[in-house]
C-alpha atoms as a PDB file:
ATOM      1  CA  UNK A   1     130.803  93.946 -11.676  1.00  0.00           C
ATOM      2  CA  UNK A   2     132.916  96.704 -10.211  1.00  0.00           C
ATOM      3  CA  UNK A   3     131.213  99.218 -12.485  1.00  0.00           C
ATOM      4  CA  UNK A   4     127.686  98.155 -11.484  1.00  0.00           C
ATOM      5  CA  UNK A   5     128.510  98.339  -7.775  1.00  0.00           C
ATOM      6  CA  UNK A   6     129.863 101.813  -8.256  1.00  0.00           C
ATOM      7  CA  UNK A   7     126.760 103.091 -10.149  1.00  0.00           C
ATOM      8  CA  UNK A   8     123.929 101.627  -7.956  1.00  0.00           C
ATOM      9  CA  UNK A   9     124.323 104.018  -5.043  1.00  0.00           C
ATOM     10  CA  UNK A  10     124.484 106.997  -7.366  1.00  0.00           C
ATOM     11  CA  UNK A  11     121.287 105.919  -9.178  1.00  0.00           C
ATOM     12  CA  UNK A  12     119.539 105.429  -5.841  1.00  0.00           C
ATOM     13  CA  UNK A  13     120.447 108.923  -4.609  1.00  0.00           C
ATOM     14  CA  UNK A  14     119.218 110.625  -7.732  1.00  0.00           C
ATOM     15  CA  UNK A  15     116.085 108.630  -8.477  1.00  0.00           C
ATOM     16  CA  UNK A  16     114.618 107.766  -5.034  1.00  0.00           C
ATOM     17  CA  UNK A  17     111.059 109.233  -5.201  1.00  0.00           C
ATOM     18  CA  UNK A  18     110.126 108.430  -1.617  1.00  0.00           C
ATOM     19  CA  UNK A  19     108.769 111.494   0.256  1.00  0.00           C
ATOM     20  CA  UNK A  20     109.956 109.880   3.497  1.00  0.00           C
ATOM     21  CA  UNK A  21     113.587 110.226   2.533  1.00  0.00           C
ATOM     22  CA  UNK A  22     115.341 112.656   4.865  1.00  0.00           C
ATOM     23  CA  UNK A  23     117.216 114.153   2.030  1.00  0.00           C
ATOM     24  CA  UNK A  24     114.010 114.627   0.063  1.00  0.00           C
ATOM     25  CA  UNK A  25     112.197 116.391   2.928  1.00  0.00           C
ATOM     26  CA  UNK A  26     115.092 118.707   3.664  1.00  0.00           C
ATOM     27  CA  UNK A  27     115.472 119.761   0.104  1.00  0.00           C
ATOM     28  CA  UNK A  28     111.800 120.090  -0.828  1.00  0.00           C
ATOM     29  CA  UNK A  29     110.024 121.632   2.264  1.00  0.00           C
ATOM     30  CA  UNK A  30     111.558 125.138   2.151  1.00  0.00           C
ATOM     31  CA  UNK A  31     110.789 125.574  -1.472  1.00  0.00           C
ATOM     32  CA  UNK A  32     107.144 124.499  -0.985  1.00  0.00           C
ATOM     33  CA  UNK A  33     106.540 126.987   1.886  1.00  0.00           C
ATOM     34  CA  UNK A  34     108.362 129.979   0.487  1.00  0.00           C
ATOM     35  CA  UNK A  35     106.582 130.220  -2.785  1.00  0.00           C
ATOM     36  CA  UNK A  36     105.549 133.575  -4.152  1.00  0.00           C
ATOM     37  CA  UNK A  37     101.856 132.776  -3.552  1.00  0.00           C
ATOM     38  CA  UNK A  38     102.384 131.891   0.097  1.00  0.00           C
ATOM     39  CA  UNK A  39     104.482 134.975   0.695  1.00  0.00           C
ATOM     40  CA  UNK A  40     101.762 137.147  -0.825  1.00  0.00           C
ATOM     41  CA  UNK A  41      99.107 135.507   1.369  1.00  0.00           C
ATOM     42  CA  UNK A  42     101.210 136.024   4.498  1.00  0.00           C
ATOM     43  CA  UNK A  43     101.864 139.640   3.599  1.00  0.00           C
ATOM     44  CA  UNK A  44      98.152 140.236   2.940  1.00  0.00           C
ATOM     45  CA  UNK A  45      97.217 138.694   6.296  1.00  0.00           C
ATOM     46  CA  UNK A  46      99.644 141.007   8.105  1.00  0.00           C
ATOM     47  CA  UNK A  47      98.133 144.027   6.350  1.00  0.00           C
ATOM     48  CA  UNK A  48      94.583 142.977   7.308  1.00  0.00           C
ATOM     49  CA  UNK A  49      95.534 142.438  10.957  1.00  0.00           C
ATOM     50  CA  UNK A  50      97.300 145.768  11.046  1.00  0.00           C
ATOM     51  CA  UNK A  51      94.195 147.430   9.636  1.00  0.00           C
ATOM     52  CA  UNK A  52      91.764 145.808  12.125  1.00  0.00           C
ATOM     53  CA  UNK A  53      93.821 146.193  15.300  1.00  0.00           C
ATOM     54  CA  UNK A  54      93.085 149.888  15.863  1.00  0.00           C
ATOM     55  CA  UNK A  55      89.353 149.197  15.487  1.00  0.00           C
ATOM     56  CA  UNK A  56      89.525 146.448  18.106  1.00  0.00           C
ATOM     57  CA  UNK A  57      91.095 148.980  20.427  1.00  0.00           C
ATOM     58  CA  UNK A  58      88.372 151.528  19.654  1.00  0.00           C
ATOM     59  CA  UNK A  59      85.719 148.929  20.465  1.00  0.00           C
ATOM     60  CA  UNK A  60      87.243 148.354  23.881  1.00  0.00           C
ATOM     61  CA  UNK A  61      87.532 152.089  24.380  1.00  0.00           C
ATOM     62  CA  UNK A  62      83.893 152.608  23.406  1.00  0.00           C
ATOM     63  CA  UNK A  63      82.821 149.976  25.953  1.00  0.00           C
ATOM     64  CA  UNK A  64      84.949 151.627  28.612  1.00  0.00           C
ATOM     65  CA  UNK A  65      83.531 155.067  27.804  1.00  0.00           C
ATOM     66  CA  UNK A  66      79.961 153.750  27.816  1.00  0.00           C
ATOM     67  CA  UNK A  67      80.505 152.127  31.214  1.00  0.00           C
ATOM     68  CA  UNK A  68      81.967 155.355  32.595  1.00  0.00           C
ATOM     69  CA  UNK A  69      79.062 157.422  31.246  1.00  0.00           C
ATOM     70  CA  UNK A  70      76.553 154.980  32.778  1.00  0.00           C
ATOM     71  CA  UNK A  71      78.155 155.243  36.214  1.00  0.00           C
ATOM     72  CA  UNK A  72      78.617 158.999  35.981  1.00  0.00           C
ATOM     73  CA  UNK A  73      74.966 159.494  35.039  1.00  0.00           C
ATOM     74  CA  UNK A  74      73.666 157.727  38.128  1.00  0.00           C
ATOM     75  CA  UNK A  75      76.303 159.162  40.462  1.00  0.00           C
ATOM     76  CA  UNK A  76      75.020 162.615  39.517  1.00  0.00           C
ATOM     77  CA  UNK A  77      71.332 161.623  39.675  1.00  0.00           C
ATOM     78  CA  UNK A  78      69.712 163.779  42.365  1.00  0.00           C
ATOM     79  CA  UNK A  79      66.920 162.980  44.803  1.00  0.00           C
ATOM     80  CA  UNK A  80      64.833 165.740  43.219  1.00  0.00           C
ATOM     81  CA  UNK A  81      65.249 164.181  39.762  1.00  0.00           C
ATOM     82  CA  UNK A  82      64.483 160.698  41.064  1.00  0.00           C
ATOM     83  CA  UNK A  83      61.343 161.712  42.966  1.00  0.00           C
ATOM     84  CA  UNK A  84      60.098 163.658  39.961  1.00  0.00           C
ATOM     85  CA  UNK A  85      60.659 160.593  37.763  1.00  0.00           C
ATOM     86  CA  UNK A  86      58.916 157.974  39.930  1.00  0.00           C
ATOM     87  CA  UNK A  87      56.307 160.103  41.715  1.00  0.00           C
ATOM     88  CA  UNK A  88      52.698 159.509  40.747  1.00  0.00           C
ATOM     89  CA  UNK A  89      49.770 161.578  41.985  1.00  0.00           C
ATOM     90  CA  UNK A  90      52.156 163.321  44.353  1.00  0.00           C
ATOM     91  CA  UNK A  91      53.249 160.079  46.054  1.00  0.00           C
ATOM     92  CA  UNK A  92      56.393 157.939  46.148  1.00  0.00           C
ATOM     93  CA  UNK A  93      57.127 154.616  47.832  1.00  0.00           C
ATOM     94  CA  UNK A  94      60.610 154.480  49.323  1.00  0.00           C
ATOM     95  CA  UNK A  95      62.872 151.753  50.603  1.00  0.00           C
ATOM     96  CA  UNK A  96      66.491 152.092  51.679  1.00  0.00           C
ATOM     97  CA  UNK A  97      68.752 149.257  50.568  1.00  0.00           C
ATOM     98  CA  UNK A  98      72.389 148.186  50.773  1.00  0.00           C
ATOM     99  CA  UNK A  99      73.796 145.398  48.610  1.00  0.00           C
ATOM    100  CA  UNK A 100      73.346 142.540  51.116  1.00  0.00           C
ATOM    101  CA  UNK A 101      69.567 143.167  51.061  1.00  0.00           C
ATOM    102  CA  UNK A 102      69.066 142.976  47.276  1.00  0.00           C
ATOM    103  CA  UNK A 103      67.257 139.628  47.421  1.00  0.00           C
ATOM    104  CA  UNK A 104      64.875 141.026  50.018  1.00  0.00           C
ATOM    105  CA  UNK A 105      64.341 144.079  47.814  1.00  0.00           C
ATOM    106  CA  UNK A 106      63.413 141.816  44.921  1.00  0.00           C
ATOM    107  CA  UNK A 107      61.059 139.753  47.073  1.00  0.00           C
ATOM    108  CA  UNK A 108      59.320 142.899  48.327  1.00  0.00           C
ATOM    109  CA  UNK A 109      59.110 144.320  44.792  1.00  0.00           C
ATOM    110  CA  UNK A 110      57.267 141.261  43.521  1.00  0.00           C
ATOM    111  CA  UNK A 111      54.576 141.797  46.142  1.00  0.00           C
ATOM    112  CA  UNK A 112      54.371 145.544  45.390  1.00  0.00           C
ATOM    113  CA  UNK A 113      54.097 144.812  41.666  1.00  0.00           C
ATOM    114  CA  UNK A 114      51.153 142.491  42.296  1.00  0.00           C
ATOM    115  CA  UNK A 115      49.333 145.493  43.778  1.00  0.00           C
ATOM    116  CA  UNK A 116      50.321 147.612  40.742  1.00  0.00           C
ATOM    117  CA  UNK A 117      52.301 150.217  42.677  1.00  0.00           C
ATOM    118  CA  UNK A 118      55.821 149.384  41.461  1.00  0.00           C
ATOM    119  CA  UNK A 119      56.135 152.406  39.161  1.00  0.00           C
ATOM    120  CA  UNK A 120      56.212 154.813  42.114  1.00  0.00           C
ATOM    121  CA  UNK A 121      58.956 152.904  43.959  1.00  0.00           C
ATOM    122  CA  UNK A 122      62.246 154.668  44.629  1.00  0.00           C
ATOM    123  CA  UNK A 123      65.179 152.652  45.971  1.00  0.00           C
ATOM    124  CA  UNK A 124      67.545 154.795  48.024  1.00  0.00           C
ATOM    125  CA  UNK A 125      70.814 152.934  47.541  1.00  0.00           C
ATOM    126  CA  UNK A 126      73.353 153.024  50.337  1.00  0.00           C
ATOM    127  CA  UNK A 127      76.257 151.875  48.124  1.00  0.00           C
ATOM    128  CA  UNK A 128      77.266 152.223  44.486  1.00  0.00           C
ATOM    129  CA  UNK A 129      76.843 148.540  43.621  1.00  0.00           C
ATOM    130  CA  UNK A 130      73.177 148.740  44.566  1.00  0.00           C
ATOM    131  CA  UNK A 131      72.767 152.010  42.663  1.00  0.00           C
ATOM    132  CA  UNK A 132      74.238 150.557  39.468  1.00  0.00           C
ATOM    133  CA  UNK A 133      72.565 147.149  39.652  1.00  0.00           C
ATOM    134  CA  UNK A 134      69.086 148.574  40.146  1.00  0.00           C
ATOM    135  CA  UNK A 135      69.412 151.284  37.492  1.00  0.00           C
ATOM    136  CA  UNK A 136      70.949 148.878  34.997  1.00  0.00           C
ATOM    137  CA  UNK A 137      67.793 146.751  35.118  1.00  0.00           C
ATOM    138  CA  UNK A 138      65.277 149.434  36.089  1.00  0.00           C
ATOM    139  CA  UNK A 139      66.593 152.849  34.998  1.00  0.00           C
ATOM    140  CA  UNK A 140      65.745 155.802  37.180  1.00  0.00           C
ATOM    141  CA  UNK A 141      64.397 153.868  40.155  1.00  0.00           C
ATOM    142  CA  UNK A 142      67.497 154.102  42.350  1.00  0.00           C
ATOM    143  CA  UNK A 143      69.309 157.095  43.754  1.00  0.00           C
ATOM    144  CA  UNK A 144      72.293 157.433  46.075  1.00  0.00           C
ATOM    145  CA  UNK A 145      72.467 160.242  48.606  1.00  0.00           C
ATOM    146  CA  UNK A 146      76.050 160.790  49.860  1.00  0.00           C
ATOM    147  CA  UNK A 147      77.921 160.003  51.995  1.00  0.00           C
ATOM    148  CA  UNK A 148      78.305 156.398  50.926  1.00  0.00           C
ATOM    149  CA  UNK A 149      78.264 153.633  53.506  1.00  0.00           C
ATOM    150  CA  UNK A 150      80.457 150.560  53.240  1.00  0.00           C
ATOM    151  CA  UNK A 151      78.157 148.071  51.503  1.00  0.00           C
ATOM    152  CA  UNK A 152      78.478 145.292  54.085  1.00  0.00           C
ATOM    153  CA  UNK A 153      78.407 147.472  57.180  1.00  0.00           C
ATOM    154  CA  UNK A 154      74.686 147.173  57.919  1.00  0.00           C
ATOM    155  CA  UNK A 155      74.395 143.412  58.272  1.00  0.00           C
ATOM    156  CA  UNK A 156      73.960 142.975  61.983  1.00  0.00           C
ATOM    157  CA  UNK A 157      71.095 144.383  64.013  1.00  0.00           C
ATOM    158  CA  UNK A 158      72.506 146.391  66.931  1.00  0.00           C
ATOM    159  CA  UNK A 159      75.818 147.134  65.235  1.00  0.00           C
ATOM    160  CA  UNK A 160      77.204 150.603  64.584  1.00  0.00           C
ATOM    161  CA  UNK A 161      76.821 149.929  60.857  1.00  0.00           C
ATOM    162  CA  UNK A 162      73.145 149.108  61.310  1.00  0.00           C
ATOM    163  CA  UNK A 163      72.635 152.277  63.355  1.00  0.00           C
ATOM    164  CA  UNK A 164      74.333 154.418  60.697  1.00  0.00           C
ATOM    165  CA  UNK A 165      72.238 152.728  58.024  1.00  0.00           C
ATOM    166  CA  UNK A 166      68.871 153.291  59.746  1.00  0.00           C
ATOM    167  CA  UNK A 167      69.668 156.681  61.262  1.00  0.00           C
ATOM    168  CA  UNK A 168      69.715 158.267  57.800  1.00  0.00           C
ATOM    169  CA  UNK A 169      66.058 157.353  57.247  1.00  0.00           C
ATOM    170  CA  UNK A 170      64.295 160.429  58.715  1.00  0.00           C
ATOM    171  CA  UNK A 171      66.582 162.802  56.809  1.00  0.00           C
ATOM    172  CA  UNK A 172      65.746 161.059  53.501  1.00  0.00           C
ATOM    173  CA  UNK A 173      62.032 161.158  54.276  1.00  0.00           C
ATOM    174  CA  UNK A 174      62.147 164.808  55.329  1.00  0.00           C
ATOM    175  CA  UNK A 175      63.913 165.733  52.089  1.00  0.00           C
ATOM    176  CA  UNK A 176      61.129 164.079  50.076  1.00  0.00           C
ATOM    177  CA  UNK A 177      58.454 165.891  52.102  1.00  0.00           C
ATOM    178  CA  UNK A 178      60.250 169.163  51.409  1.00  0.00           C
ATOM    179  CA  UNK A 179      59.894 168.418  47.693  1.00  0.00           C
ATOM    180  CA  UNK A 180      56.122 168.373  48.190  1.00  0.00           C
ATOM    181  CA  UNK A 181      55.468 164.621  47.929  1.00  0.00           C
ATOM    182  CA  UNK A 182      53.654 162.177  50.181  1.00  0.00           C
ATOM    183  CA  UNK A 183      55.894 159.228  50.944  1.00  0.00           C
ATOM    184  CA  UNK A 184      55.358 155.661  52.074  1.00  0.00           C
ATOM    185  CA  UNK A 185      58.413 154.035  53.618  1.00  0.00           C
ATOM    186  CA  UNK A 186      58.837 150.238  53.866  1.00  0.00           C
ATOM    187  CA  UNK A 187      61.572 147.955  55.158  1.00  0.00           C
ATOM    188  CA  UNK A 188      62.288 145.364  52.484  1.00  0.00           C
ATOM    189  CA  UNK A 189      61.801 142.370  54.772  1.00  0.00           C
ATOM    190  CA  UNK A 190      58.091 142.922  54.184  1.00  0.00           C
ATOM    191  CA  UNK A 191      55.548 141.403  51.811  1.00  0.00           C
ATOM    192  CA  UNK A 192      52.379 143.068  50.559  1.00  0.00           C
ATOM    193  CA  UNK A 193      49.285 140.847  50.433  1.00  0.00           C
ATOM    194  CA  UNK A 194      46.884 143.701  49.623  1.00  0.00           C
ATOM    195  CA  UNK A 195      47.033 147.358  48.604  1.00  0.00           C
ATOM    196  CA  UNK A 196      47.960 149.334  51.759  1.00  0.00           C
ATOM    197  CA  UNK A 197      46.874 152.672  50.307  1.00  0.00           C
ATOM    198  CA  UNK A 198      43.224 151.745  50.738  1.00  0.00           C
ATOM    199  CA  UNK A 199      43.811 151.589  54.511  1.00  0.00           C
ATOM    200  CA  UNK A 200      45.112 155.150  54.865  1.00  0.00           C
ATOM    201  CA  UNK A 201      41.868 156.518  56.260  1.00  0.00           C
ATOM    202  CA  UNK A 202      41.380 160.234  56.712  1.00  0.00           C
ATOM    203  CA  UNK A 203      43.910 162.941  56.043  1.00  0.00           C
ATOM    204  CA  UNK A 204      46.375 162.515  58.904  1.00  0.00           C
ATOM    205  CA  UNK A 205      50.002 163.714  58.963  1.00  0.00           C
ATOM    206  CA  UNK A 206      51.683 160.457  59.981  1.00  0.00           C
ATOM    207  CA  UNK A 207      50.565 156.815  59.728  1.00  0.00           C
ATOM    208  CA  UNK A 208      52.420 153.905  61.381  1.00  0.00           C
ATOM    209  CA  UNK A 209      51.961 150.341  62.637  1.00  0.00           C
ATOM    210  CA  UNK A 210      52.365 148.904  66.116  1.00  0.00           C
ATOM    211  CA  UNK A 211      55.289 146.648  66.974  1.00  0.00           C
ATOM    212  CA  UNK A 212      53.822 144.781  69.936  1.00  0.00           C
ATOM    213  CA  UNK A 213      52.914 141.115  69.706  1.00  0.00           C
ATOM    214  CA  UNK A 214      50.071 141.365  72.230  1.00  0.00           C
ATOM    215  CA  UNK A 215      46.679 140.988  70.575  1.00  0.00           C
ATOM    216  CA  UNK A 216      44.594 144.157  70.395  1.00  0.00           C
ATOM    217  CA  UNK A 217      40.795 144.342  70.003  1.00  0.00           C
ATOM    218  CA  UNK A 218      39.725 144.586  66.361  1.00  0.00           C
ATOM    219  CA  UNK A 219      38.266 148.024  67.104  1.00  0.00           C
ATOM    220  CA  UNK A 220      41.375 149.299  68.903  1.00  0.00           C
ATOM    221  CA  UNK A 221      42.221 152.978  69.134  1.00  0.00           C
ATOM    222  CA  UNK A 222      44.129 154.579  66.256  1.00  0.00           C
ATOM    223  CA  UNK A 223      45.877 157.062  68.541  1.00  0.00           C
ATOM    224  CA  UNK A 224      49.541 156.772  69.479  1.00  0.00           C
ATOM    225  CA  UNK A 225      49.762 153.824  71.913  1.00  0.00           C
ATOM    226  CA  UNK A 226      50.606 154.616  75.549  1.00  0.00           C
ATOM    227  CA  UNK A 227      54.179 154.220  76.817  1.00  0.00           C
ATOM    228  CA  UNK A 228      55.399 150.725  77.643  1.00  0.00           C
ATOM    229  CA  UNK A 229      57.885 149.510  80.242  1.00  0.00           C
ATOM    230  CA  UNK A 230      60.693 151.600  78.762  1.00  0.00           C
ATOM    231  CA  UNK A 231      58.715 154.800  79.062  1.00  0.00           C
ATOM    232  CA  UNK A 232      57.879 155.115  75.392  1.00  0.00           C
ATOM    233  CA  UNK A 233      55.451 153.534  72.900  1.00  0.00           C
ATOM    234  CA  UNK A 234      56.408 150.564  70.681  1.00  0.00           C
ATOM    235  CA  UNK A 235      55.573 151.887  67.229  1.00  0.00           C
ATOM    236  CA  UNK A 236      57.459 150.313  64.323  1.00  0.00           C
ATOM    237  CA  UNK A 237      59.627 152.540  62.124  1.00  0.00           C
ATOM    238  CA  UNK A 238      59.451 149.859  59.426  1.00  0.00           C
ATOM    239  CA  UNK A 239      56.266 151.094  57.728  1.00  0.00           C
ATOM    240  CA  UNK A 240      55.415 154.799  57.721  1.00  0.00           C
ATOM    241  CA  UNK A 241      53.209 156.974  55.524  1.00  0.00           C
ATOM    242  CA  UNK A 242      53.705 160.750  55.586  1.00  0.00           C
ATOM    243  CA  UNK A 243      51.863 163.593  53.919  1.00  0.00           C
ATOM    244  CA  UNK A 244      53.842 166.763  53.042  1.00  0.00           C
ATOM    245  CA  UNK A 245      52.400 168.703  55.975  1.00  0.00           C
ATOM    246  CA  UNK A 246      54.041 170.781  58.675  1.00  0.00           C
ATOM    247  CA  UNK A 247      53.090 168.064  61.175  1.00  0.00           C
ATOM    248  CA  UNK A 248      54.864 165.288  59.251  1.00  0.00           C
ATOM    249  CA  UNK A 249      57.927 167.482  58.753  1.00  0.00           C
ATOM    250  CA  UNK A 250      57.981 168.221  62.469  1.00  0.00           C
ATOM    251  CA  UNK A 251      57.860 164.482  63.212  1.00  0.00           C
ATOM    252  CA  UNK A 252      60.879 163.808  60.984  1.00  0.00           C
ATOM    253  CA  UNK A 253      62.787 166.784  62.384  1.00  0.00           C
ATOM    254  CA  UNK A 254      62.164 165.649  65.943  1.00  0.00           C
ATOM    255  CA  UNK A 255      63.207 162.100  65.021  1.00  0.00           C
ATOM    256  CA  UNK A 256      66.517 163.423  63.700  1.00  0.00           C
ATOM    257  CA  UNK A 257      67.052 165.371  66.923  1.00  0.00           C
ATOM    258  CA  UNK A 258      66.341 162.311  69.068  1.00  0.00           C
ATOM    259  CA  UNK A 259      68.881 160.262  67.106  1.00  0.00           C
ATOM    260  CA  UNK A 260      71.496 162.937  67.699  1.00  0.00           C
ATOM    261  CA  UNK A 261      70.743 162.901  71.421  1.00  0.00           C
ATOM    262  CA  UNK A 262      70.867 159.080  71.606  1.00  0.00           C
ATOM    263  CA  UNK A 263      73.901 158.023  69.525  1.00  0.00           C
ATOM    264  CA  UNK A 264      75.130 154.445  69.241  1.00  0.00           C
ATOM    265  CA  UNK A 265      77.574 153.277  71.901  1.00  0.00           C
ATOM    266  CA  UNK A 266      78.973 149.859  72.750  1.00  0.00           C
ATOM    267  CA  UNK A 267      77.117 149.949  76.041  1.00  0.00           C
ATOM    268  CA  UNK A 268      73.781 150.986  74.498  1.00  0.00           C
ATOM    269  CA  UNK A 269      73.523 149.612  70.976  1.00  0.00           C
ATOM    270  CA  UNK A 270      70.807 151.906  69.727  1.00  0.00           C
ATOM    271  CA  UNK A 271      68.843 151.802  66.484  1.00  0.00           C
ATOM    272  CA  UNK A 272      66.465 154.321  64.941  1.00  0.00           C
ATOM    273  CA  UNK A 273      63.175 152.950  66.334  1.00  0.00           C
ATOM    274  CA  UNK A 274      63.406 154.063  69.996  1.00  0.00           C
ATOM    275  CA  UNK A 275      64.237 157.585  68.840  1.00  0.00           C
ATOM    276  CA  UNK A 276      61.188 157.521  66.533  1.00  0.00           C
ATOM    277  CA  UNK A 277      58.962 156.596  69.472  1.00  0.00           C
ATOM    278  CA  UNK A 278      60.440 159.230  71.777  1.00  0.00           C
ATOM    279  CA  UNK A 279      59.907 161.822  69.048  1.00  0.00           C
ATOM    280  CA  UNK A 280      56.262 160.861  68.479  1.00  0.00           C
ATOM    281  CA  UNK A 281      55.526 160.900  72.195  1.00  0.00           C
ATOM    282  CA  UNK A 282      57.013 164.380  72.639  1.00  0.00           C
ATOM    283  CA  UNK A 283      55.042 165.932  69.738  1.00  0.00           C
ATOM    284  CA  UNK A 284      51.818 163.940  70.080  1.00  0.00           C
ATOM    285  CA  UNK A 285      49.699 167.047  70.658  1.00  0.00           C
ATOM    286  CA  UNK A 286      51.228 168.893  67.701  1.00  0.00           C
ATOM    287  CA  UNK A 287      50.936 166.218  65.009  1.00  0.00           C
ATOM    288  CA  UNK A 288      47.905 164.350  63.651  1.00  0.00           C
ATOM    289  CA  UNK A 289      48.893 160.666  64.000  1.00  0.00           C
ATOM    290  CA  UNK A 290      47.123 157.458  62.988  1.00  0.00           C
ATOM    291  CA  UNK A 291      47.876 153.930  64.189  1.00  0.00           C
ATOM    292  CA  UNK A 292      47.033 151.445  61.429  1.00  0.00           C
ATOM    293  CA  UNK A 293      44.812 148.448  62.313  1.00  0.00           C
ATOM    294  CA  UNK A 294      46.750 145.556  63.815  1.00  0.00           C
ATOM    295  CA  UNK A 295      44.697 142.964  61.926  1.00  0.00           C
ATOM    296  CA  UNK A 296      45.925 144.447  58.621  1.00  0.00           C
ATOM    297  CA  UNK A 297      49.482 145.406  59.634  1.00  0.00           C
ATOM    298  CA  UNK A 298      50.675 142.845  62.195  1.00  0.00           C
ATOM    299  CA  UNK A 299      54.181 142.716  63.538  1.00  0.00           C
ATOM    300  CA  UNK A 300      56.192 139.556  62.893  1.00  0.00           C
ATOM    301  CA  UNK A 301      56.014 138.663  66.560  1.00  0.00           C
ATOM    302  CA  UNK A 302      52.259 138.261  66.169  1.00  0.00           C
ATOM    303  CA  UNK A 303      51.821 136.952  62.619  1.00  0.00           C
ATOM    304  CA  UNK A 304      54.509 134.265  62.775  1.00  0.00           C
ATOM    305  CA  UNK A 305      53.982 133.214  66.379  1.00  0.00           C
ATOM    306  CA  UNK A 306      50.233 133.251  67.031  1.00  0.00           C
ATOM    307  CA  UNK A 307      48.516 130.752  64.739  1.00  0.00           C
ATOM    308  CA  UNK A 308      45.181 131.196  66.468  1.00  0.00           C
ATOM    309  CA  UNK A 309      45.180 134.947  65.819  1.00  0.00           C
ATOM    310  CA  UNK A 310      46.244 134.408  62.190  1.00  0.00           C
ATOM    311  CA  UNK A 311      43.361 131.990  61.677  1.00  0.00           C
ATOM    312  CA  UNK A 312      40.837 134.331  63.313  1.00  0.00           C
ATOM    313  CA  UNK A 313      41.958 137.315  61.227  1.00  0.00           C
ATOM    314  CA  UNK A 314      42.430 135.432  57.957  1.00  0.00           C
ATOM    315  CA  UNK A 315      41.732 137.638  54.951  1.00  0.00           C
ATOM    316  CA  UNK A 316      42.497 140.848  56.834  1.00  0.00           C
ATOM    317  CA  UNK A 317      46.298 140.913  56.481  1.00  0.00           C
ATOM    318  CA  UNK A 318      47.772 143.608  54.234  1.00  0.00           C
ATOM    319  CA  UNK A 319      51.529 143.835  54.925  1.00  0.00           C
ATOM    320  CA  UNK A 320      53.534 141.160  56.731  1.00  0.00           C
ATOM    321  CA  UNK A 321      56.776 142.207  58.422  1.00  0.00           C
ATOM    322  CA  UNK A 322      59.425 139.531  58.933  1.00  0.00           C
ATOM    323  CA  UNK A 323      60.808 140.950  62.182  1.00  0.00           C
ATOM    324  CA  UNK A 324      61.200 139.480  65.668  1.00  0.00           C
ATOM    325  CA  UNK A 325      63.939 137.313  64.167  1.00  0.00           C
ATOM    326  CA  UNK A 326      67.612 138.013  63.386  1.00  0.00           C
ATOM    327  CA  UNK A 327      69.740 136.835  60.474  1.00  0.00           C
ATOM    328  CA  UNK A 328      69.275 136.700  56.704  1.00  0.00           C
ATOM    329  CA  UNK A 329      69.051 132.932  56.470  1.00  0.00           C
ATOM    330  CA  UNK A 330      66.544 132.682  59.305  1.00  0.00           C
ATOM    331  CA  UNK A 331      64.359 135.357  57.741  1.00  0.00           C
ATOM    332  CA  UNK A 332      64.487 133.636  54.342  1.00  0.00           C
ATOM    333  CA  UNK A 333      63.625 130.257  55.858  1.00  0.00           C
ATOM    334  CA  UNK A 334      60.680 131.721  57.729  1.00  0.00           C
ATOM    335  CA  UNK A 335      59.394 133.423  54.568  1.00  0.00           C
ATOM    336  CA  UNK A 336      59.758 130.123  52.697  1.00  0.00           C
ATOM    337  CA  UNK A 337      57.925 128.224  55.436  1.00  0.00           C
ATOM    338  CA  UNK A 338      54.963 130.594  55.056  1.00  0.00           C
ATOM    339  CA  UNK A 339      55.039 130.754  51.250  1.00  0.00           C
ATOM    340  CA  UNK A 340      56.226 134.368  51.274  1.00  0.00           C
ATOM    341  CA  UNK A 341      59.708 133.976  49.746  1.00  0.00           C
ATOM    342  CA  UNK A 342      58.564 134.827  46.229  1.00  0.00           C
ATOM    343  CA  UNK A 343      61.903 135.192  44.433  1.00  0.00           C
ATOM    344  CA  UNK A 344      62.367 131.420  44.110  1.00  0.00           C
ATOM    345  CA  UNK A 345      59.488 131.018  41.673  1.00  0.00           C
ATOM    346  CA  UNK A 346      58.280 134.482  40.684  1.00  0.00           C
ATOM    347  CA  UNK A 347      61.413 136.565  40.079  1.00  0.00           C
ATOM    348  CA  UNK A 348      60.162 137.352  36.571  1.00  0.00           C
ATOM    349  CA  UNK A 349      57.358 139.431  38.144  1.00  0.00           C
ATOM    350  CA  UNK A 350      59.859 141.872  39.634  1.00  0.00           C
ATOM    351  CA  UNK A 351      60.987 144.906  37.634  1.00  0.00           C
ATOM    352  CA  UNK A 352      64.538 143.727  38.412  1.00  0.00           C
ATOM    353  CA  UNK A 353      64.026 140.164  37.157  1.00  0.00           C
ATOM    354  CA  UNK A 354      66.189 137.418  38.601  1.00  0.00           C
ATOM    355  CA  UNK A 355      69.261 138.871  40.327  1.00  0.00           C
END
């Protein structure tokens, strides 16, 4: 009896096969993990990782270098190169855009594309984000002309940022004329319903549209309108066509001079349009000017506010300008109300796609 009691514990310790025994797990686990096969596998894995790591770094470096080359290419892209690339039959279509206006750019582009004139469009970007985003999706169709404006500075009509943004316009247009190209300028809060080029009658130096909401006779004069209450005409600087003539160059030069003489101040929050009108009035006898028909190129104050006139001139409208209203959201809502906010359903028609 004493002998059997003494032997039972010893037999249990040596013969217990249970894998749940603490003693079993402590004694067996290290030997199962540190086998020669497992050590070889671990060593091989370390070698493979050490071999691949430099290549992963090269991949990241290649991406970084590619990104740098992309940005550098477009930073160095000149106006002369851009105009040569997009110009067709000696003509370019120009808009000037900062990043907050990209949706309006896309909306306008859809309408231009429907008239098959998108290939001659050049976007003059006022910030690097716009330059890169446009050229990433539509290479060669955007150029930046230094100095660079702060991308959100041109939001508010009447602000210094807005003045600085618009005041650069005549210099850009003059530079294109000096390269020997005709140029059509558009604000991007516009929509084309027809091809405007078919309305450029004759061979005049400068073409423009009126900015008054008062209804004109259908056979109105195409001369520069007479001065209004402020002593100058009310021509819109939003849509201009220029031929590379001495008269058109004089108009842009005089516009630049007027802007320099009438800078922005807090008391008189100027923009580029009054200076454009003063310039045209002062050189009227030296430049061949043409006022486009109101029925085809109505101002927003007429098209969006005179339903009777719109009904009577239905089928005549060529370009609609969403002015006489302030604020992005208000402009978008008005375009939507009239079925002219195209980016909601037709973004695929734009060369930029959906932004």
